[in-house]
């Protein structure tokens, strides 16, 4: 195997690891965000866990964060919690940082 082939394989491996980590960070962020929203809606611990899972699954509806933001704003409004897109996006950013921190500590 040549040096070029070894470098190419190393870059491919790093790319795959980076993509997996990015996926795990977003999934963790969405789970944390689901628990945050569940707290605002005053759900029971069991309901909060189920809701957090539903937020994680909402990520797969379309590319980007819009589906998650739309779900949270809609669910919070339906529960009588007054909140706007900007507040949800701020929470999204804060939980992204926390999710990254948690996964980095776990490694």
PDB file of N, CA and C in Angstrom:
ATOM      1  N   UNK A   1       0.855  -1.181   0.000  1.00  0.00           N
ATOM      2  CA  UNK A   1       0.000   0.000   0.000  1.00  0.00           C
ATOM      3  C   UNK A   1       0.894   1.236   0.000  1.00  0.00           C
ATOM      4  N   UNK A   2       0.553   2.190  -0.812  1.00  0.00           N
ATOM      5  CA  UNK A   2       1.363   3.393  -0.906  1.00  0.00           C
ATOM      6  C   UNK A   2       0.980   4.377   0.188  1.00  0.00           C
ATOM      7  N   UNK A   3       1.822   5.356   0.360  1.00  0.00           N
ATOM      8  CA  UNK A   3       1.559   6.400   1.348  1.00  0.00           C
ATOM      9  C   UNK A   3       0.292   7.160   1.004  1.00  0.00           C
ATOM     10  N   UNK A   4       0.070   7.382  -0.285  1.00  0.00           N
ATOM     11  CA  UNK A   4      -1.142   8.081  -0.717  1.00  0.00           C
ATOM     12  C   UNK A   4      -2.396   7.290  -0.323  1.00  0.00           C
ATOM     13  N   UNK A   5      -2.370   5.976  -0.543  1.00  0.00           N
ATOM     14  CA  UNK A   5      -3.512   5.140  -0.183  1.00  0.00           C
ATOM     15  C   UNK A   5      -3.745   5.148   1.322  1.00  0.00           C
ATOM     16  N   UNK A   6      -2.682   5.126   2.090  1.00  0.00           N
ATOM     17  CA  UNK A   6      -2.807   5.159   3.549  1.00  0.00           C
ATOM     18  C   UNK A   6      -3.409   6.482   4.018  1.00  0.00           C
ATOM     19  N   UNK A   7      -2.953   7.579   3.400  1.00  0.00           N
ATOM     20  CA  UNK A   7      -3.517   8.897   3.754  1.00  0.00           C
ATOM     21  C   UNK A   7      -4.993   8.969   3.393  1.00  0.00           C
ATOM     22  N   UNK A   8      -5.334   8.456   2.215  1.00  0.00           N
ATOM     23  CA  UNK A   8      -6.720   8.478   1.781  1.00  0.00           C
ATOM     24  C   UNK A   8      -7.596   7.679   2.753  1.00  0.00           C
ATOM     25  N   UNK A   9      -7.140   6.513   3.150  1.00  0.00           N
ATOM     26  CA  UNK A   9      -7.894   5.683   4.084  1.00  0.00           C
ATOM     27  C   UNK A   9      -8.027   6.391   5.442  1.00  0.00           C
ATOM     28  N   UNK A  10      -6.970   7.061   5.878  1.00  0.00           N
ATOM     29  CA  UNK A  10      -7.016   7.792   7.145  1.00  0.00           C
ATOM     30  C   UNK A  10      -8.021   8.939   7.080  1.00  0.00           C
ATOM     31  N   UNK A  11      -8.049   9.671   5.975  1.00  0.00           N
ATOM     32  CA  UNK A  11      -9.016  10.758   5.820  1.00  0.00           C
ATOM     33  C   UNK A  11     -10.444  10.224   5.788  1.00  0.00           C
ATOM     34  N   UNK A  12     -10.650   9.105   5.101  1.00  0.00           N
ATOM     35  CA  UNK A  12     -11.987   8.505   5.052  1.00  0.00           C
ATOM     36  C   UNK A  12     -12.433   8.048   6.441  1.00  0.00           C
ATOM     37  N   UNK A  13     -11.535   7.473   7.197  1.00  0.00           N
ATOM     38  CA  UNK A  13     -11.843   7.024   8.552  1.00  0.00           C
ATOM     39  C   UNK A  13     -12.166   8.207   9.445  1.00  0.00           C
ATOM     40  N   UNK A  14     -11.388   9.273   9.334  1.00  0.00           N
ATOM     41  CA  UNK A  14     -11.641  10.463  10.144  1.00  0.00           C
ATOM     42  C   UNK A  14     -12.976  11.090   9.776  1.00  0.00           C
ATOM     43  N   UNK A  15     -13.272  11.154   8.492  1.00  0.00           N
ATOM     44  CA  UNK A  15     -14.541  11.712   8.047  1.00  0.00           C
ATOM     45  C   UNK A  15     -15.712  10.907   8.619  1.00  0.00           C
ATOM     46  N   UNK A  16     -15.613   9.585   8.562  1.00  0.00           N
ATOM     47  CA  UNK A  16     -16.683   8.726   9.082  1.00  0.00           C
ATOM     48  C   UNK A  16     -16.862   8.939  10.578  1.00  0.00           C
ATOM     49  N   UNK A  17     -15.760   9.039  11.314  1.00  0.00           N
ATOM     50  CA  UNK A  17     -15.846   9.285  12.762  1.00  0.00           C
ATOM     51  C   UNK A  17     -16.453  10.645  13.062  1.00  0.00           C
ATOM     52  N   UNK A  18     -16.047  11.656  12.308  1.00  0.00           N
ATOM     53  CA  UNK A  18     -16.594  13.007  12.504  1.00  0.00           C
ATOM     54  C   UNK A  18     -18.088  13.047  12.223  1.00  0.00           C
ATOM     55  N   UNK A  19     -18.534  12.373  11.176  1.00  0.00           N
ATOM     56  CA  UNK A  19     -19.956  12.333  10.842  1.00  0.00           C
ATOM     57  C   UNK A  19     -20.753  11.596  11.917  1.00  0.00           C
ATOM     58  N   UNK A  20     -20.201  10.503  12.415  1.00  0.00           N
ATOM     59  CA  UNK A  20     -20.875   9.763  13.481  1.00  0.00           C
ATOM     60  C   UNK A  20     -20.984  10.624  14.741  1.00  0.00           C
ATOM     61  N   UNK A  21     -19.918  11.340  15.071  1.00  0.00           N
ATOM     62  CA  UNK A  21     -19.941  12.202  16.255  1.00  0.00           C
ATOM     63  C   UNK A  21     -20.950  13.329  16.078  1.00  0.00           C
ATOM     64  N   UNK A  22     -21.014  13.915  14.891  1.00  0.00           N
ATOM     65  CA  UNK A  22     -21.986  14.986  14.636  1.00  0.00           C
ATOM     66  C   UNK A  22     -23.408  14.457  14.801  1.00  0.00           C
ATOM     67  N   UNK A  23     -23.669  13.261  14.315  1.00  0.00           N
ATOM     68  CA  UNK A  23     -24.988  12.649  14.461  1.00  0.00           C
ATOM     69  C   UNK A  23     -25.315  12.426  15.940  1.00  0.00           C
ATOM     70  N   UNK A  24     -24.358  11.911  16.685  1.00  0.00           N
ATOM     71  CA  UNK A  24     -24.579  11.648  18.110  1.00  0.00           C
ATOM     72  C   UNK A  24     -24.804  12.941  18.888  1.00  0.00           C
ATOM     73  N   UNK A  25     -24.092  14.001  18.526  1.00  0.00           N
ATOM     74  CA  UNK A  25     -24.267  15.296  19.201  1.00  0.00           C
ATOM     75  C   UNK A  25     -25.670  15.833  18.955  1.00  0.00           C
ATOM     76  N   UNK A  26     -26.145  15.770  17.713  1.00  0.00           N
ATOM     77  CA  UNK A  26     -27.485  16.275  17.394  1.00  0.00           C
ATOM     78  C   UNK A  26     -28.544  15.434  18.109  1.00  0.00           C
ATOM     79  N   UNK A  27     -28.374  14.126  18.132  1.00  0.00           N
ATOM     80  CA  UNK A  27     -29.340  13.276  18.825  1.00  0.00           C
ATOM     81  C   UNK A  27     -29.358  13.589  20.320  1.00  0.00           C
ATOM     82  N   UNK A  28     -28.191  13.773  20.922  1.00  0.00           N
ATOM     83  CA  UNK A  28     -28.117  14.116  22.352  1.00  0.00           C
ATOM     84  C   UNK A  28     -28.743  15.487  22.588  1.00  0.00           C
ATOM     85  N   UNK A  29     -28.442  16.445  21.716  1.00  0.00           N
ATOM     86  CA  UNK A  29     -29.027  17.786  21.842  1.00  0.00           C
ATOM     87  C   UNK A  29     -30.552  17.713  21.818  1.00  0.00           C
ATOM     88  N   UNK A  30     -31.093  16.948  20.882  1.00  0.00           N
ATOM     89  CA  UNK A  30     -32.540  16.848  20.766  1.00  0.00           C
ATOM     90  C   UNK A  30     -33.156  16.178  21.988  1.00  0.00           C
ATOM     91  N   UNK A  31     -32.465  15.218  22.542  1.00  0.00           N
ATOM     92  CA  UNK A  31     -32.952  14.562  23.759  1.00  0.00           C
ATOM     93  C   UNK A  31     -32.972  15.559  24.920  1.00  0.00           C
ATOM     94  N   UNK A  32     -31.890  16.313  25.074  1.00  0.00           N
ATOM     95  CA  UNK A  32     -31.839  17.340  26.128  1.00  0.00           C
ATOM     96  C   UNK A  32     -32.913  18.399  25.906  1.00  0.00           C
ATOM     97  N   UNK A  33     -33.105  18.775  24.675  1.00  0.00           N
ATOM     98  CA  UNK A  33     -34.123  19.772  24.326  1.00  0.00           C
ATOM     99  C   UNK A  33     -35.524  19.246  24.636  1.00  0.00           C
ATOM    100  N   UNK A  34     -35.743  17.974  24.379  1.00  0.00           N
ATOM    101  CA  UNK A  34     -37.029  17.364  24.696  1.00  0.00           C
ATOM    102  C   UNK A  34     -37.306  17.377  26.191  1.00  0.00           C
ATOM    103  N   UNK A  35     -36.277  17.101  26.989  1.00  0.00           N
ATOM    104  CA  UNK A  35     -36.442  17.147  28.443  1.00  0.00           C
ATOM    105  C   UNK A  35     -36.683  18.584  28.919  1.00  0.00           C
ATOM    106  N   UNK A  36     -36.008  19.539  28.296  1.00  0.00           N
ATOM    107  CA  UNK A  36     -36.219  20.947  28.637  1.00  0.00           C
ATOM    108  C   UNK A  36     -37.673  21.342  28.372  1.00  0.00           C
ATOM    109  N   UNK A  37     -38.173  20.993  27.181  1.00  0.00           N
ATOM    110  CA  UNK A  37     -39.551  21.337  26.820  1.00  0.00           C
ATOM    111  C   UNK A  37     -40.547  20.594  27.709  1.00  0.00           C
ATOM    112  N   UNK A  38     -40.239  19.351  28.035  1.00  0.00           N
ATOM    113  CA  UNK A  38     -41.119  18.573  28.909  1.00  0.00           C
ATOM    114  C   UNK A  38     -41.226  19.229  30.283  1.00  0.00           C
ATOM    115  N   UNK A  39     -40.129  19.790  30.752  1.00  0.00           N
ATOM    116  CA  UNK A  39     -40.158  20.516  32.018  1.00  0.00           C
ATOM    117  C   UNK A  39     -41.055  21.737  31.947  1.00  0.00           C
ATOM    118  N   UNK A  40     -40.997  22.439  30.824  1.00  0.00           N
ATOM    119  CA  UNK A  40     -41.871  23.602  30.652  1.00  0.00           C
ATOM    120  C   UNK A  40     -43.337  23.193  30.595  1.00  0.00           C
ATOM    121  N   UNK A  41     -43.603  22.012  30.040  1.00  0.00           N
ATOM    122  CA  UNK A  41     -44.974  21.525  29.930  1.00  0.00           C
ATOM    123  C   UNK A  41     -45.427  20.781  31.182  1.00  0.00           C
ATOM    124  N   UNK A  42     -44.527  20.650  32.147  1.00  0.00           N
ATOM    125  CA  UNK A  42     -44.799  19.975  33.418  1.00  0.00           C
ATOM    126  C   UNK A  42     -45.261  18.531  33.221  1.00  0.00           C
ATOM    127  N   UNK A  43     -44.519  17.796  32.389  1.00  0.00           N
ATOM    128  CA  UNK A  43     -44.828  16.393  32.154  1.00  0.00           C
ATOM    129  C   UNK A  43     -44.229  15.531  33.263  1.00  0.00           C
ATOM    130  N   UNK A  44     -44.792  14.359  33.465  1.00  0.00           N
ATOM    131  CA  UNK A  44     -44.248  13.416  34.434  1.00  0.00           C
ATOM    132  C   UNK A  44     -42.913  12.881  33.891  1.00  0.00           C
ATOM    133  N   UNK A  45     -42.086  12.273  34.730  1.00  0.00           N
ATOM    134  CA  UNK A  45     -40.813  11.732  34.233  1.00  0.00           C
ATOM    135  C   UNK A  45     -40.988  10.729  33.084  1.00  0.00           C
ATOM    136  N   UNK A  46     -41.997   9.889  33.153  1.00  0.00           N
ATOM    137  CA  UNK A  46     -42.244   8.918  32.086  1.00  0.00           C
ATOM    138  C   UNK A  46     -42.664   9.626  30.797  1.00  0.00           C
ATOM    139  N   UNK A  47     -43.547  10.603  30.938  1.00  0.00           N
ATOM    140  CA  UNK A  47     -43.988  11.372  29.775  1.00  0.00           C
ATOM    141  C   UNK A  47     -42.831  12.174  29.194  1.00  0.00           C
ATOM    142  N   UNK A  48     -41.976  12.704  30.066  1.00  0.00           N
ATOM    143  CA  UNK A  48     -40.822  13.489  29.616  1.00  0.00           C
ATOM    144  C   UNK A  48     -39.870  12.630  28.799  1.00  0.00           C
ATOM    145  N   UNK A  49     -39.637  11.405  29.244  1.00  0.00           N
ATOM    146  CA  UNK A  49     -38.750  10.501  28.511  1.00  0.00           C
ATOM    147  C   UNK A  49     -39.331  10.173  27.133  1.00  0.00           C
ATOM    148  N   UNK A  50     -40.617   9.894  27.086  1.00  0.00           N
ATOM    149  CA  UNK A  50     -41.274   9.596  25.805  1.00  0.00           C
ATOM    150  C   UNK A  50     -41.249  10.823  24.896  1.00  0.00           C
ATOM    151  N   UNK A  51     -41.459  11.990  25.480  1.00  0.00           N
ATOM    152  CA  UNK A  51     -41.446  13.217  24.682  1.00  0.00           C
ATOM    153  C   UNK A  51     -40.044  13.482  24.128  1.00  0.00           C
ATOM    154  N   UNK A  52     -39.024  13.274  24.955  1.00  0.00           N
ATOM    155  CA  UNK A  52     -37.642  13.473  24.494  1.00  0.00           C
ATOM    156  C   UNK A  52     -37.343  12.554  23.311  1.00  0.00           C
ATOM    157  N   UNK A  53     -37.808  11.317  23.374  1.00  0.00           N
ATOM    158  CA  UNK A  53     -37.611  10.394  22.244  1.00  0.00           C
ATOM    159  C   UNK A  53     -38.329  10.900  20.998  1.00  0.00           C
ATOM    160  N   UNK A  54     -39.520  11.475  21.179  1.00  0.00           N
ATOM    161  CA  UNK A  54     -40.258  11.975  20.012  1.00  0.00           C
ATOM    162  C   UNK A  54     -39.547  13.166  19.375  1.00  0.00           C
ATOM    163  N   UNK A  55     -38.857  13.971  20.181  1.00  0.00           N
ATOM    164  CA  UNK A  55     -38.092  15.096  19.634  1.00  0.00           C
ATOM    165  C   UNK A  55     -36.896  14.564  18.838  1.00  0.00           C
ATOM    166  N   UNK A  56     -36.249  13.519  19.346  1.00  0.00           N
ATOM    167  CA  UNK A  56     -35.129  12.911  18.614  1.00  0.00           C
ATOM    168  C   UNK A  56     -35.631  12.394  17.266  1.00  0.00           C
ATOM    169  N   UNK A  57     -36.790  11.746  17.249  1.00  0.00           N
ATOM    170  CA  UNK A  57     -37.340  11.212  15.997  1.00  0.00           C
ATOM    171  C   UNK A  57     -37.783  12.325  15.043  1.00  0.00           C
ATOM    172  N   UNK A  58     -38.158  13.467  15.566  1.00  0.00           N
ATOM    173  CA  UNK A  58     -38.591  14.581  14.712  1.00  0.00           C
ATOM    174  C   UNK A  58     -37.446  15.071  13.828  1.00  0.00           C
ATOM    175  N   UNK A  59     -36.219  14.879  14.265  1.00  0.00           N
ATOM    176  CA  UNK A  59     -35.043  15.315  13.498  1.00  0.00           C
ATOM    177  C   UNK A  59     -35.004  14.648  12.119  1.00  0.00           C
ATOM    178  N   UNK A  60     -35.583  13.463  12.006  1.00  0.00           N
ATOM    179  CA  UNK A  60     -35.481  12.687  10.773  1.00  0.00           C
ATOM    180  C   UNK A  60     -36.532  13.052   9.737  1.00  0.00           C
ATOM    181  N   UNK A  61     -37.436  13.972  10.061  1.00  0.00           N
ATOM    182  CA  UNK A  61     -38.496  14.329   9.119  1.00  0.00           C
ATOM    183  C   UNK A  61     -37.975  15.117   7.922  1.00  0.00           C
ATOM    184  N   UNK A  62     -37.036  16.012   8.151  1.00  0.00           N
ATOM    185  CA  UNK A  62     -36.447  16.787   7.049  1.00  0.00           C
ATOM    186  C   UNK A  62     -35.060  17.249   7.482  1.00  0.00           C
ATOM    187  N   UNK A  63     -34.270  17.669   6.525  1.00  0.00           N
ATOM    188  CA  UNK A  63     -32.913  18.121   6.830  1.00  0.00           C
ATOM    189  C   UNK A  63     -32.957  19.428   7.613  1.00  0.00           C
ATOM    190  N   UNK A  64     -32.023  19.583   8.528  1.00  0.00           N
ATOM    191  CA  UNK A  64     -31.937  20.813   9.304  1.00  0.00           C
ATOM    192  C   UNK A  64     -32.743  20.741  10.585  1.00  0.00           C
ATOM    193  N   UNK A  65     -32.784  21.855  11.278  1.00  0.00           N
ATOM    194  CA  UNK A  65     -33.421  21.918  12.589  1.00  0.00           C
ATOM    195  C   UNK A  65     -34.854  22.423  12.544  1.00  0.00           C
ATOM    196  N   UNK A  66     -35.343  22.803  11.386  1.00  0.00           N
ATOM    197  CA  UNK A  66     -36.665  23.413  11.299  1.00  0.00           C
ATOM    198  C   UNK A  66     -37.770  22.488  11.803  1.00  0.00           C
ATOM    199  N   UNK A  67     -37.659  21.199  11.516  1.00  0.00           N
ATOM    200  CA  UNK A  67     -38.686  20.267  11.966  1.00  0.00           C
ATOM    201  C   UNK A  67     -38.722  20.168  13.487  1.00  0.00           C
ATOM    202  N   UNK A  68     -37.568  20.213  14.112  1.00  0.00           N
ATOM    203  CA  UNK A  68     -37.500  20.157  15.575  1.00  0.00           C
ATOM    204  C   UNK A  68     -38.067  21.439  16.179  1.00  0.00           C
ATOM    205  N   UNK A  69     -37.683  22.575  15.634  1.00  0.00           N
ATOM    206  CA  UNK A  69     -38.188  23.865  16.136  1.00  0.00           C
ATOM    207  C   UNK A  69     -39.704  23.925  15.979  1.00  0.00           C
ATOM    208  N   UNK A  70     -40.186  23.522  14.825  1.00  0.00           N
ATOM    209  CA  UNK A  70     -41.627  23.542  14.559  1.00  0.00           C
ATOM    210  C   UNK A  70     -42.376  22.637  15.542  1.00  0.00           C
ATOM    211  N   UNK A  71     -41.846  21.450  15.801  1.00  0.00           N
ATOM    212  CA  UNK A  71     -42.473  20.523  16.743  1.00  0.00           C
ATOM    213  C   UNK A  71     -42.517  21.125  18.136  1.00  0.00           C
ATOM    214  N   UNK A  72     -41.394  21.655  18.593  1.00  0.00           N
ATOM    215  CA  UNK A  72     -41.339  22.196  19.947  1.00  0.00           C
ATOM    216  C   UNK A  72     -42.268  23.390  20.118  1.00  0.00           C
ATOM    217  N   UNK A  73     -42.240  24.313  19.174  1.00  0.00           N
ATOM    218  CA  UNK A  73     -43.100  25.495  19.267  1.00  0.00           C
ATOM    219  C   UNK A  73     -44.570  25.064  19.269  1.00  0.00           C
ATOM    220  N   UNK A  74     -44.924  24.145  18.388  1.00  0.00           N
ATOM    221  CA  UNK A  74     -46.305  23.666  18.320  1.00  0.00           C
ATOM    222  C   UNK A  74     -46.742  22.950  19.590  1.00  0.00           C
ATOM    223  N   UNK A  75     -45.893  22.062  20.090  1.00  0.00           N
ATOM    224  CA  UNK A  75     -46.230  21.310  21.299  1.00  0.00           C
ATOM    225  C   UNK A  75     -46.308  22.217  22.523  1.00  0.00           C
ATOM    226  N   UNK A  76     -45.372  23.152  22.631  1.00  0.00           N
ATOM    227  CA  UNK A  76     -45.394  24.069  23.769  1.00  0.00           C
ATOM    228  C   UNK A  76     -46.628  24.969  23.715  1.00  0.00           C
ATOM    229  N   UNK A  77     -46.969  25.448  22.529  1.00  0.00           N
ATOM    230  CA  UNK A  77     -48.164  26.292  22.381  1.00  0.00           C
ATOM    231  C   UNK A  77     -49.420  25.495  22.742  1.00  0.00           C
ATOM    232  N   UNK A  78     -49.474  24.233  22.298  1.00  0.00           N
ATOM    233  CA  UNK A  78     -50.629  23.393  22.601  1.00  0.00           C
ATOM    234  C   UNK A  78     -50.754  23.130  24.102  1.00  0.00           C
ATOM    235  N   UNK A  79     -49.624  23.136  24.804  1.00  0.00           N
ATOM    236  CA  UNK A  79     -49.627  22.918  26.257  1.00  0.00           C
ATOM    237  C   UNK A  79     -49.864  24.216  27.023  1.00  0.00           C
ATOM    238  N   UNK A  80     -50.036  25.325  26.301  1.00  0.00           N
ATOM    239  CA  UNK A  80     -50.301  26.600  26.951  1.00  0.00           C
ATOM    240  C   UNK A  80     -49.070  27.361  27.389  1.00  0.00           C
ATOM    241  N   UNK A  81     -47.904  26.955  26.904  1.00  0.00           N
ATOM    242  CA  UNK A  81     -46.648  27.644  27.225  1.00  0.00           C
ATOM    243  C   UNK A  81     -46.408  28.685  26.137  1.00  0.00           C
ATOM    244  N   UNK A  82     -46.305  29.948  26.548  1.00  0.00           N
ATOM    245  CA  UNK A  82     -46.038  31.001  25.578  1.00  0.00           C
ATOM    246  C   UNK A  82     -44.543  31.070  25.295  1.00  0.00           C
ATOM    247  N   UNK A  83     -44.184  30.764  24.055  1.00  0.00           N
ATOM    248  CA  UNK A  83     -42.776  30.764  23.654  1.00  0.00           C
ATOM    249  C   UNK A  83     -42.726  31.034  22.155  1.00  0.00           C
ATOM    250  N   UNK A  84     -41.651  31.662  21.717  1.00  0.00           N
ATOM    251  CA  UNK A  84     -41.510  31.954  20.288  1.00  0.00           C
ATOM    252  C   UNK A  84     -40.342  31.165  19.703  1.00  0.00           C
ATOM    253  N   UNK A  85     -40.224  31.240  18.381  1.00  0.00           N
ATOM    254  CA  UNK A  85     -39.148  30.523  17.681  1.00  0.00           C
ATOM    255  C   UNK A  85     -37.772  30.911  18.208  1.00  0.00           C
ATOM    256  N   UNK A  86     -37.574  32.193  18.488  1.00  0.00           N
ATOM    257  CA  UNK A  86     -36.261  32.671  18.923  1.00  0.00           C
ATOM    258  C   UNK A  86     -35.849  32.025  20.247  1.00  0.00           C
ATOM    259  N   UNK A  87     -36.780  31.889  21.168  1.00  0.00           N
ATOM    260  CA  UNK A  87     -36.457  31.267  22.458  1.00  0.00           C
ATOM    261  C   UNK A  87     -36.117  29.791  22.272  1.00  0.00           C
ATOM    262  N   UNK A  88     -36.827  29.118  21.396  1.00  0.00           N
ATOM    263  CA  UNK A  88     -36.535  27.705  21.126  1.00  0.00           C
ATOM    264  C   UNK A  88     -35.171  27.578  20.457  1.00  0.00           C
ATOM    265  N   UNK A  89     -34.853  28.481  19.542  1.00  0.00           N
ATOM    266  CA  UNK A  89     -33.544  28.435  18.871  1.00  0.00           C
ATOM    267  C   UNK A  89     -32.399  28.715  19.859  1.00  0.00           C
ATOM    268  N   UNK A  90     -32.628  29.617  20.810  1.00  0.00           N
ATOM    269  CA  UNK A  90     -31.607  29.858  21.839  1.00  0.00           C
ATOM    270  C   UNK A  90     -31.395  28.599  22.682  1.00  0.00           C
ATOM    271  N   UNK A  91     -32.481  27.936  23.037  1.00  0.00           N
ATOM    272  CA  UNK A  91     -32.384  26.681  23.789  1.00  0.00           C
ATOM    273  C   UNK A  91     -31.683  25.617  22.950  1.00  0.00           C
ATOM    274  N   UNK A  92     -31.968  25.592  21.659  1.00  0.00           N
ATOM    275  CA  UNK A  92     -31.324  24.648  20.746  1.00  0.00           C
ATOM    276  C   UNK A  92     -29.814  24.853  20.754  1.00  0.00           C
ATOM    277  N   UNK A  93     -29.387  26.108  20.664  1.00  0.00           N
ATOM    278  CA  UNK A  93     -27.951  26.415  20.684  1.00  0.00           C
ATOM    279  C   UNK A  93     -27.313  26.039  22.018  1.00  0.00           C
ATOM    280  N   UNK A  94     -27.979  26.373  23.113  1.00  0.00           N
ATOM    281  CA  UNK A  94     -27.434  26.061  24.436  1.00  0.00           C
ATOM    282  C   UNK A  94     -27.332  24.556  24.647  1.00  0.00           C
ATOM    283  N   UNK A  95     -28.323  23.815  24.203  1.00  0.00           N
ATOM    284  CA  UNK A  95     -28.291  22.365  24.380  1.00  0.00           C
ATOM    285  C   UNK A  95     -27.305  21.700  23.425  1.00  0.00           C
ATOM    286  N   UNK A  96     -27.006  22.338  22.307  1.00  0.00           N
ATOM    287  CA  UNK A  96     -25.977  21.812  21.403  1.00  0.00           C
ATOM    288  C   UNK A  96     -24.620  21.852  22.100  1.00  0.00           C
ATOM    289  N   UNK A  97     -24.348  22.947  22.777  1.00  0.00           N
ATOM    290  CA  UNK A  97     -23.087  23.084  23.514  1.00  0.00           C
ATOM    291  C   UNK A  97     -23.008  22.038  24.615  1.00  0.00           C
ATOM    292  N   UNK A  98     -24.101  21.875  25.353  1.00  0.00           N
ATOM    293  CA  UNK A  98     -24.137  20.899  26.434  1.00  0.00           C
ATOM    294  C   UNK A  98     -23.977  19.473  25.904  1.00  0.00           C
ATOM    295  N   UNK A  99     -24.630  19.153  24.799  1.00  0.00           N
ATOM    296  CA  UNK A  99     -24.520  17.818  24.212  1.00  0.00           C
ATOM    297  C   UNK A  99     -23.088  17.532  23.782  1.00  0.00           C
ATOM    298  N   UNK A 100     -22.449  18.504  23.156  1.00  0.00           N
ATOM    299  CA  UNK A 100     -21.056  18.328  22.731  1.00  0.00           C
ATOM    300  C   UNK A 100     -20.155  18.120  23.948  1.00  0.00           C
ATOM    301  N   UNK A 101     -20.380  18.904  24.996  1.00  0.00           N
ATOM    302  CA  UNK A 101     -19.582  18.777  26.211  1.00  0.00           C
ATOM    303  C   UNK A 101     -19.757  17.392  26.830  1.00  0.00           C
ATOM    304  N   UNK A 102     -20.982  16.923  26.909  1.00  0.00           N
ATOM    305  CA  UNK A 102     -21.232  15.615  27.502  1.00  0.00           C
ATOM    306  C   UNK A 102     -20.562  14.496  26.713  1.00  0.00           C
ATOM    307  N   UNK A 103     -20.652  14.548  25.395  1.00  0.00           N
ATOM    308  CA  UNK A 103     -20.045  13.490  24.596  1.00  0.00           C
ATOM    309  C   UNK A 103     -18.528  13.553  24.614  1.00  0.00           C
ATOM    310  N   UNK A 104     -17.972  14.746  24.698  1.00  0.00           N
ATOM    311  CA  UNK A 104     -16.511  14.860  24.771  1.00  0.00           C
ATOM    312  C   UNK A 104     -15.999  14.315  26.109  1.00  0.00           C
ATOM    313  N   UNK A 105     -16.751  14.550  27.172  1.00  0.00           N
ATOM    314  CA  UNK A 105     -16.352  14.032  28.484  1.00  0.00           C
ATOM    315  C   UNK A 105     -16.465  12.508  28.528  1.00  0.00           C
ATOM    316  N   UNK A 106     -17.411  11.968  27.797  1.00  0.00           N
ATOM    317  CA  UNK A 106     -17.621  10.510  27.807  1.00  0.00           C
ATOM    318  C   UNK A 106     -16.511   9.767  27.063  1.00  0.00           C
ATOM    319  N   UNK A 107     -15.800  10.452  26.221  1.00  0.00           N
ATOM    320  CA  UNK A 107     -14.737   9.777  25.444  1.00  0.00           C
ATOM    321  C   UNK A 107     -13.471   9.628  26.209  1.00  0.00           C
TER     322      UNK A 107
END
